């Protein structure tokens, strides 16, 4: 019985996730809360598309396997503990 229920619940979960994602996408299209040039709050790194200069990682500084996290660390968005 459990082997019959598992694929059904998996399918229902998939339908739910895809439906909810599509609903949120339509809501964001219809009611955008920020203009394209005003997503990052004023005074934060990246406000109005202005990012800090690139800073290469120093000796002994560890980096993440995620390229996006590394890019943020290299541009001063996050301070990573060595």
PDB file of N, CA and C in Angstrom:
ATOM      1  N   UNK A   1       0.820  -1.191   0.000  1.00  0.00           N
ATOM      2  CA  UNK A   1       0.000   0.000   0.000  1.00  0.00           C
ATOM      3  C   UNK A   1       0.868   1.261   0.000  1.00  0.00           C
ATOM      4  N   UNK A   2       1.947   1.249   0.793  1.00  0.00           N
ATOM      5  CA  UNK A   2       2.827   2.408   0.871  1.00  0.00           C
ATOM      6  C   UNK A   2       3.513   2.661  -0.464  1.00  0.00           C
ATOM      7  N   UNK A   3       3.812   1.599  -1.206  1.00  0.00           N
ATOM      8  CA  UNK A   3       4.457   1.771  -2.504  1.00  0.00           C
ATOM      9  C   UNK A   3       3.505   2.397  -3.518  1.00  0.00           C
ATOM     10  N   UNK A   4       2.222   2.336  -3.289  1.00  0.00           N
ATOM     11  CA  UNK A   4       1.238   2.959  -4.161  1.00  0.00           C
ATOM     12  C   UNK A   4       1.019   4.428  -3.779  1.00  0.00           C
ATOM     13  N   UNK A   5       1.082   4.725  -2.491  1.00  0.00           N
ATOM     14  CA  UNK A   5       0.814   6.079  -2.009  1.00  0.00           C
ATOM     15  C   UNK A   5       1.987   7.023  -2.302  1.00  0.00           C
ATOM     16  N   UNK A   6       3.215   6.533  -2.224  1.00  0.00           N
ATOM     17  CA  UNK A   6       4.395   7.386  -2.403  1.00  0.00           C
ATOM     18  C   UNK A   6       4.411   8.103  -3.756  1.00  0.00           C
ATOM     19  N   UNK A   7       4.194   7.423  -4.886  1.00  0.00           N
ATOM     20  CA  UNK A   7       4.198   8.155  -6.167  1.00  0.00           C
ATOM     21  C   UNK A   7       3.049   9.164  -6.280  1.00  0.00           C
ATOM     22  N   UNK A   8       1.918   8.851  -5.678  1.00  0.00           N
ATOM     23  CA  UNK A   8       0.774   9.762  -5.731  1.00  0.00           C
ATOM     24  C   UNK A   8       1.078  11.035  -4.943  1.00  0.00           C
ATOM     25  N   UNK A   9       1.602  10.879  -3.719  1.00  0.00           N
ATOM     26  CA  UNK A   9       1.925  12.058  -2.911  1.00  0.00           C
ATOM     27  C   UNK A   9       3.059  12.864  -3.548  1.00  0.00           C
ATOM     28  N   UNK A  10       4.016  12.184  -4.155  1.00  0.00           N
ATOM     29  CA  UNK A  10       5.098  12.887  -4.848  1.00  0.00           C
ATOM     30  C   UNK A  10       4.527  13.719  -5.998  1.00  0.00           C
ATOM     31  N   UNK A  11       3.635  13.141  -6.760  1.00  0.00           N
ATOM     32  CA  UNK A  11       3.011  13.857  -7.872  1.00  0.00           C
ATOM     33  C   UNK A  11       2.185  15.043  -7.400  1.00  0.00           C
ATOM     34  N   UNK A  12       1.438  14.870  -6.315  1.00  0.00           N
ATOM     35  CA  UNK A  12       0.641  15.969  -5.768  1.00  0.00           C
ATOM     36  C   UNK A  12       1.534  17.087  -5.248  1.00  0.00           C
ATOM     37  N   UNK A  13       2.622  16.731  -4.584  1.00  0.00           N
ATOM     38  CA  UNK A  13       3.572  17.742  -4.107  1.00  0.00           C
ATOM     39  C   UNK A  13       4.171  18.512  -5.275  1.00  0.00           C
ATOM     40  N   UNK A  14       4.516  17.813  -6.342  1.00  0.00           N
ATOM     41  CA  UNK A  14       5.083  18.461  -7.519  1.00  0.00           C
ATOM     42  C   UNK A  14       4.082  19.427  -8.148  1.00  0.00           C
ATOM     43  N   UNK A  15       2.843  19.000  -8.265  1.00  0.00           N
ATOM     44  CA  UNK A  15       1.795  19.871  -8.822  1.00  0.00           C
ATOM     45  C   UNK A  15       1.612  21.096  -7.920  1.00  0.00           C
ATOM     46  N   UNK A  16       1.599  20.901  -6.616  1.00  0.00           N
ATOM     47  CA  UNK A  16       1.439  22.004  -5.675  1.00  0.00           C
ATOM     48  C   UNK A  16       2.579  23.012  -5.820  1.00  0.00           C
ATOM     49  N   UNK A  17       3.814  22.536  -5.862  1.00  0.00           N
ATOM     50  CA  UNK A  17       4.980  23.425  -5.935  1.00  0.00           C
ATOM     51  C   UNK A  17       4.979  24.213  -7.242  1.00  0.00           C
ATOM     52  N   UNK A  18       4.724  23.549  -8.350  1.00  0.00           N
ATOM     53  CA  UNK A  18       4.715  24.227  -9.642  1.00  0.00           C
ATOM     54  C   UNK A  18       3.576  25.249  -9.705  1.00  0.00           C
ATOM     55  N   UNK A  19       2.410  24.891  -9.193  1.00  0.00           N
ATOM     56  CA  UNK A  19       1.271  25.808  -9.190  1.00  0.00           C
ATOM     57  C   UNK A  19       1.571  27.029  -8.332  1.00  0.00           C
ATOM     58  N   UNK A  20       2.073  26.820  -7.124  1.00  0.00           N
ATOM     59  CA  UNK A  20       2.382  27.923  -6.223  1.00  0.00           C
ATOM     60  C   UNK A  20       3.453  28.831  -6.835  1.00  0.00           C
ATOM     61  N   UNK A  21       4.475  28.261  -7.451  1.00  0.00           N
ATOM     62  CA  UNK A  21       5.523  29.047  -8.084  1.00  0.00           C
ATOM     63  C   UNK A  21       4.948  29.905  -9.209  1.00  0.00           C
ATOM     64  N   UNK A  22       4.070  29.348 -10.005  1.00  0.00           N
ATOM     65  CA  UNK A  22       3.446  30.102 -11.091  1.00  0.00           C
ATOM     66  C   UNK A  22       2.550  31.218 -10.558  1.00  0.00           C
ATOM     67  N   UNK A  23       1.839  30.959  -9.477  1.00  0.00           N
ATOM     68  CA  UNK A  23       0.998  32.000  -8.866  1.00  0.00           C
ATOM     69  C   UNK A  23       1.862  33.155  -8.383  1.00  0.00           C
ATOM     70  N   UNK A  24       2.970  32.848  -7.709  1.00  0.00           N
ATOM     71  CA  UNK A  24       3.865  33.905  -7.228  1.00  0.00           C
ATOM     72  C   UNK A  24       4.488  34.684  -8.382  1.00  0.00           C
ATOM     73  N   UNK A  25       4.802  34.001  -9.468  1.00  0.00           N
ATOM     74  CA  UNK A  25       5.362  34.674 -10.638  1.00  0.00           C
ATOM     75  C   UNK A  25       4.368  35.679 -11.205  1.00  0.00           C
ATOM     76  N   UNK A  26       3.115  35.285 -11.338  1.00  0.00           N
ATOM     77  CA  UNK A  26       2.085  36.189 -11.868  1.00  0.00           C
ATOM     78  C   UNK A  26       1.877  37.363 -10.921  1.00  0.00           C
ATOM     79  N   UNK A  27       1.855  37.110  -9.624  1.00  0.00           N
ATOM     80  CA  UNK A  27       1.695  38.197  -8.647  1.00  0.00           C
ATOM     81  C   UNK A  27       2.845  39.194  -8.769  1.00  0.00           C
ATOM     82  N   UNK A  28       4.071  38.699  -8.936  1.00  0.00           N
ATOM     83  CA  UNK A  28       5.219  39.587  -9.074  1.00  0.00           C
ATOM     84  C   UNK A  28       5.174  40.383 -10.364  1.00  0.00           C
ATOM     85  N   UNK A  29       4.626  39.827 -11.420  1.00  0.00           N
ATOM     86  CA  UNK A  29       4.482  40.561 -12.676  1.00  0.00           C
ATOM     87  C   UNK A  29       3.460  41.689 -12.529  1.00  0.00           C
ATOM     88  N   UNK A  30       2.373  41.390 -11.832  1.00  0.00           N
ATOM     89  CA  UNK A  30       1.266  42.337 -11.736  1.00  0.00           C
ATOM     90  C   UNK A  30       1.533  43.420 -10.693  1.00  0.00           C
ATOM     91  N   UNK A  31       2.146  43.065  -9.581  1.00  0.00           N
ATOM     92  CA  UNK A  31       2.346  44.016  -8.492  1.00  0.00           C
ATOM     93  C   UNK A  31       3.810  44.094  -8.080  1.00  0.00           C
ATOM     94  N   UNK A  32       4.696  44.626  -8.935  1.00  0.00           N
ATOM     95  CA  UNK A  32       6.103  44.729  -8.522  1.00  0.00           C
ATOM     96  C   UNK A  32       6.247  45.744  -7.396  1.00  0.00           C
ATOM     97  N   UNK A  33       7.014  45.391  -6.369  1.00  0.00           N
ATOM     98  CA  UNK A  33       7.170  46.286  -5.230  1.00  0.00           C
ATOM     99  C   UNK A  33       8.389  47.185  -5.375  1.00  0.00           C
ATOM    100  N   UNK A  34       9.299  46.868  -6.289  1.00  0.00           N
ATOM    101  CA  UNK A  34      10.497  47.669  -6.496  1.00  0.00           C
ATOM    102  C   UNK A  34      10.717  47.867  -7.987  1.00  0.00           C
ATOM    103  N   UNK A  35      11.227  49.039  -8.339  1.00  0.00           N
ATOM    104  CA  UNK A  35      11.612  49.234  -9.729  1.00  0.00           C
ATOM    105  C   UNK A  35      12.922  48.496  -9.964  1.00  0.00           C
ATOM    106  N   UNK A  36      13.260  48.266 -11.202  1.00  0.00           N
ATOM    107  CA  UNK A  36      14.433  47.459 -11.546  1.00  0.00           C
ATOM    108  C   UNK A  36      15.723  48.063 -11.010  1.00  0.00           C
ATOM    109  N   UNK A  37      15.796  49.391 -10.890  1.00  0.00           N
ATOM    110  CA  UNK A  37      17.031  50.011 -10.402  1.00  0.00           C
ATOM    111  C   UNK A  37      17.012  50.285  -8.903  1.00  0.00           C
ATOM    112  N   UNK A  38      15.999  49.808  -8.204  1.00  0.00           N
ATOM    113  CA  UNK A  38      15.882  50.106  -6.781  1.00  0.00           C
ATOM    114  C   UNK A  38      15.570  48.847  -5.973  1.00  0.00           C
ATOM    115  N   UNK A  39      16.278  47.771  -6.241  1.00  0.00           N
ATOM    116  CA  UNK A  39      16.023  46.512  -5.545  1.00  0.00           C
ATOM    117  C   UNK A  39      16.810  46.445  -4.242  1.00  0.00           C
ATOM    118  N   UNK A  40      18.072  46.876  -4.284  1.00  0.00           N
ATOM    119  CA  UNK A  40      18.930  46.843  -3.102  1.00  0.00           C
ATOM    120  C   UNK A  40      18.697  48.125  -2.305  1.00  0.00           C
ATOM    121  N   UNK A  41      18.492  48.031  -0.976  1.00  0.00           N
ATOM    122  CA  UNK A  41      18.238  49.225  -0.178  1.00  0.00           C
ATOM    123  C   UNK A  41      19.393  50.238  -0.236  1.00  0.00           C
ATOM    124  N   UNK A  42      19.066  51.500  -0.105  1.00  0.00           N
ATOM    125  CA  UNK A  42      20.058  52.580  -0.113  1.00  0.00           C
ATOM    126  C   UNK A  42      21.072  52.371   1.006  1.00  0.00           C
ATOM    127  N   UNK A  43      22.339  52.588   0.686  1.00  0.00           N
ATOM    128  CA  UNK A  43      23.396  52.437   1.675  1.00  0.00           C
ATOM    129  C   UNK A  43      23.992  51.045   1.751  1.00  0.00           C
ATOM    130  N   UNK A  44      23.440  50.097   1.017  1.00  0.00           N
ATOM    131  CA  UNK A  44      23.956  48.723   1.016  1.00  0.00           C
ATOM    132  C   UNK A  44      24.776  48.492  -0.246  1.00  0.00           C
ATOM    133  N   UNK A  45      25.679  47.516  -0.172  1.00  0.00           N
ATOM    134  CA  UNK A  45      26.483  47.170  -1.343  1.00  0.00           C
ATOM    135  C   UNK A  45      25.565  46.751  -2.479  1.00  0.00           C
ATOM    136  N   UNK A  46      25.758  47.336  -3.651  1.00  0.00           N
ATOM    137  CA  UNK A  46      24.945  47.009  -4.820  1.00  0.00           C
ATOM    138  C   UNK A  46      23.791  47.957  -5.061  1.00  0.00           C
ATOM    139  N   UNK A  47      23.610  48.950  -4.189  1.00  0.00           N
ATOM    140  CA  UNK A  47      22.527  49.911  -4.399  1.00  0.00           C
ATOM    141  C   UNK A  47      22.757  50.652  -5.703  1.00  0.00           C
ATOM    142  N   UNK A  48      21.726  50.739  -6.531  1.00  0.00           N
ATOM    143  CA  UNK A  48      21.763  51.392  -7.849  1.00  0.00           C
ATOM    144  C   UNK A  48      22.832  50.782  -8.748  1.00  0.00           C
ATOM    145  N   UNK A  49      23.149  49.504  -8.565  1.00  0.00           N
ATOM    146  CA  UNK A  49      24.087  48.801  -9.419  1.00  0.00           C
ATOM    147  C   UNK A  49      25.547  49.129  -9.160  1.00  0.00           C
ATOM    148  N   UNK A  50      25.855  49.803  -8.059  1.00  0.00           N
ATOM    149  CA  UNK A  50      27.233  50.161  -7.733  1.00  0.00           C
ATOM    150  C   UNK A  50      27.775  49.190  -6.691  1.00  0.00           C
ATOM    151  N   UNK A  51      28.697  48.343  -7.131  1.00  0.00           N
ATOM    152  CA  UNK A  51      29.282  47.338  -6.250  1.00  0.00           C
ATOM    153  C   UNK A  51      30.684  47.757  -5.842  1.00  0.00           C
ATOM    154  N   UNK A  52      31.144  47.328  -4.658  1.00  0.00           N
ATOM    155  CA  UNK A  52      32.517  47.634  -4.245  1.00  0.00           C
ATOM    156  C   UNK A  52      33.520  47.010  -5.211  1.00  0.00           C
ATOM    157  N   UNK A  53      34.729  47.544  -5.212  1.00  0.00           N
ATOM    158  CA  UNK A  53      35.794  47.031  -6.070  1.00  0.00           C
ATOM    159  C   UNK A  53      36.142  45.597  -5.705  1.00  0.00           C
ATOM    160  N   UNK A  54      36.686  44.867  -6.678  1.00  0.00           N
ATOM    161  CA  UNK A  54      37.119  43.492  -6.464  1.00  0.00           C
ATOM    162  C   UNK A  54      38.311  43.466  -5.511  1.00  0.00           C
ATOM    163  N   UNK A  55      38.270  42.576  -4.536  1.00  0.00           N
ATOM    164  CA  UNK A  55      39.377  42.364  -3.608  1.00  0.00           C
ATOM    165  C   UNK A  55      39.713  40.878  -3.647  1.00  0.00           C
ATOM    166  N   UNK A  56      40.910  40.567  -4.110  1.00  0.00           N
ATOM    167  CA  UNK A  56      41.320  39.161  -4.203  1.00  0.00           C
ATOM    168  C   UNK A  56      41.436  38.564  -2.810  1.00  0.00           C
ATOM    169  N   UNK A  57      41.112  37.277  -2.656  1.00  0.00           N
ATOM    170  CA  UNK A  57      41.231  36.648  -1.340  1.00  0.00           C
ATOM    171  C   UNK A  57      42.687  36.609  -0.886  1.00  0.00           C
ATOM    172  N   UNK A  58      42.907  36.894   0.380  1.00  0.00           N
ATOM    173  CA  UNK A  58      44.259  36.899   0.925  1.00  0.00           C
ATOM    174  C   UNK A  58      44.755  35.494   1.218  1.00  0.00           C
ATOM    175  N   UNK A  59      45.980  35.424   1.656  1.00  0.00           N
ATOM    176  CA  UNK A  59      46.609  34.142   2.003  1.00  0.00           C
ATOM    177  C   UNK A  59      45.868  33.513   3.179  1.00  0.00           C
ATOM    178  N   UNK A  60      45.514  32.253   3.043  1.00  0.00           N
ATOM    179  CA  UNK A  60      44.861  31.511   4.121  1.00  0.00           C
ATOM    180  C   UNK A  60      43.368  31.771   4.262  1.00  0.00           C
ATOM    181  N   UNK A  61      42.779  32.533   3.349  1.00  0.00           N
ATOM    182  CA  UNK A  61      41.348  32.803   3.403  1.00  0.00           C
ATOM    183  C   UNK A  61      40.616  31.672   2.702  1.00  0.00           C
ATOM    184  N   UNK A  62      39.672  31.077   3.390  1.00  0.00           N
ATOM    185  CA  UNK A  62      38.927  29.978   2.778  1.00  0.00           C
ATOM    186  C   UNK A  62      37.771  30.537   1.965  1.00  0.00           C
ATOM    187  N   UNK A  63      37.397  29.816   0.951  1.00  0.00           N
ATOM    188  CA  UNK A  63      36.290  30.206   0.091  1.00  0.00           C
ATOM    189  C   UNK A  63      35.288  29.065   0.000  1.00  0.00           C
ATOM    190  N   UNK A  64      34.100  29.428  -0.408  1.00  0.00           N
ATOM    191  CA  UNK A  64      33.002  28.481  -0.533  1.00  0.00           C
ATOM    192  C   UNK A  64      33.101  27.736  -1.871  1.00  0.00           C
ATOM    193  N   UNK A  65      32.528  26.537  -1.955  1.00  0.00           N
ATOM    194  CA  UNK A  65      32.443  25.879  -3.259  1.00  0.00           C
ATOM    195  C   UNK A  65      31.422  26.552  -4.184  1.00  0.00           C
ATOM    196  N   UNK A  66      30.630  27.482  -3.635  1.00  0.00           N
ATOM    197  CA  UNK A  66      29.606  28.178  -4.419  1.00  0.00           C
ATOM    198  C   UNK A  66      30.197  29.438  -5.062  1.00  0.00           C
ATOM    199  N   UNK A  67      30.201  29.532  -6.394  1.00  0.00           N
ATOM    200  CA  UNK A  67      30.769  30.704  -7.063  1.00  0.00           C
ATOM    201  C   UNK A  67      30.057  32.011  -6.700  1.00  0.00           C
ATOM    202  N   UNK A  68      28.759  31.971  -6.457  1.00  0.00           N
ATOM    203  CA  UNK A  68      28.035  33.196  -6.115  1.00  0.00           C
ATOM    204  C   UNK A  68      28.479  33.742  -4.762  1.00  0.00           C
ATOM    205  N   UNK A  69      28.662  32.874  -3.792  1.00  0.00           N
ATOM    206  CA  UNK A  69      29.133  33.307  -2.479  1.00  0.00           C
ATOM    207  C   UNK A  69      30.535  33.878  -2.591  1.00  0.00           C
ATOM    208  N   UNK A  70      31.380  33.243  -3.389  1.00  0.00           N
ATOM    209  CA  UNK A  70      32.735  33.751  -3.591  1.00  0.00           C
ATOM    210  C   UNK A  70      32.724  35.129  -4.251  1.00  0.00           C
ATOM    211  N   UNK A  71      31.861  35.329  -5.224  1.00  0.00           N
ATOM    212  CA  UNK A  71      31.769  36.630  -5.885  1.00  0.00           C
ATOM    213  C   UNK A  71      31.343  37.703  -4.889  1.00  0.00           C
ATOM    214  N   UNK A  72      30.394  37.386  -4.035  1.00  0.00           N
ATOM    215  CA  UNK A  72      29.967  38.357  -3.029  1.00  0.00           C
ATOM    216  C   UNK A  72      31.095  38.671  -2.053  1.00  0.00           C
ATOM    217  N   UNK A  73      31.848  37.649  -1.660  1.00  0.00           N
ATOM    218  CA  UNK A  73      32.971  37.868  -0.742  1.00  0.00           C
ATOM    219  C   UNK A  73      34.067  38.681  -1.417  1.00  0.00           C
ATOM    220  N   UNK A  74      34.334  38.421  -2.686  1.00  0.00           N
ATOM    221  CA  UNK A  74      35.379  39.145  -3.400  1.00  0.00           C
ATOM    222  C   UNK A  74      35.036  40.617  -3.621  1.00  0.00           C
ATOM    223  N   UNK A  75      33.750  40.956  -3.576  1.00  0.00           N
ATOM    224  CA  UNK A  75      33.334  42.336  -3.783  1.00  0.00           C
ATOM    225  C   UNK A  75      32.872  42.986  -2.498  1.00  0.00           C
ATOM    226  N   UNK A  76      33.179  42.381  -1.361  1.00  0.00           N
ATOM    227  CA  UNK A  76      32.911  43.005  -0.073  1.00  0.00           C
ATOM    228  C   UNK A  76      31.480  42.916   0.411  1.00  0.00           C
ATOM    229  N   UNK A  77      30.645  42.120  -0.240  1.00  0.00           N
ATOM    230  CA  UNK A  77      29.265  42.016   0.205  1.00  0.00           C
ATOM    231  C   UNK A  77      29.156  41.234   1.505  1.00  0.00           C
ATOM    232  N   UNK A  78      30.034  40.279   1.702  1.00  0.00           N
ATOM    233  CA  UNK A  78      30.031  39.474   2.925  1.00  0.00           C
ATOM    234  C   UNK A  78      31.461  39.317   3.391  1.00  0.00           C
ATOM    235  N   UNK A  79      31.653  39.308   4.680  1.00  0.00           N
ATOM    236  CA  UNK A  79      32.978  39.044   5.241  1.00  0.00           C
ATOM    237  C   UNK A  79      33.025  37.580   5.653  1.00  0.00           C
ATOM    238  N   UNK A  80      33.903  36.822   5.051  1.00  0.00           N
ATOM    239  CA  UNK A  80      34.051  35.421   5.406  1.00  0.00           C
ATOM    240  C   UNK A  80      35.177  35.270   6.406  1.00  0.00           C
ATOM    241  N   UNK A  81      34.975  34.422   7.369  1.00  0.00           N
ATOM    242  CA  UNK A  81      35.983  34.197   8.404  1.00  0.00           C
ATOM    243  C   UNK A  81      37.059  33.282   7.828  1.00  0.00           C
ATOM    244  N   UNK A  82      38.341  33.687   7.926  1.00  0.00           N
ATOM    245  CA  UNK A  82      39.414  32.842   7.367  1.00  0.00           C
ATOM    246  C   UNK A  82      39.581  31.552   8.146  1.00  0.00           C
TER     247      UNK A  82
END
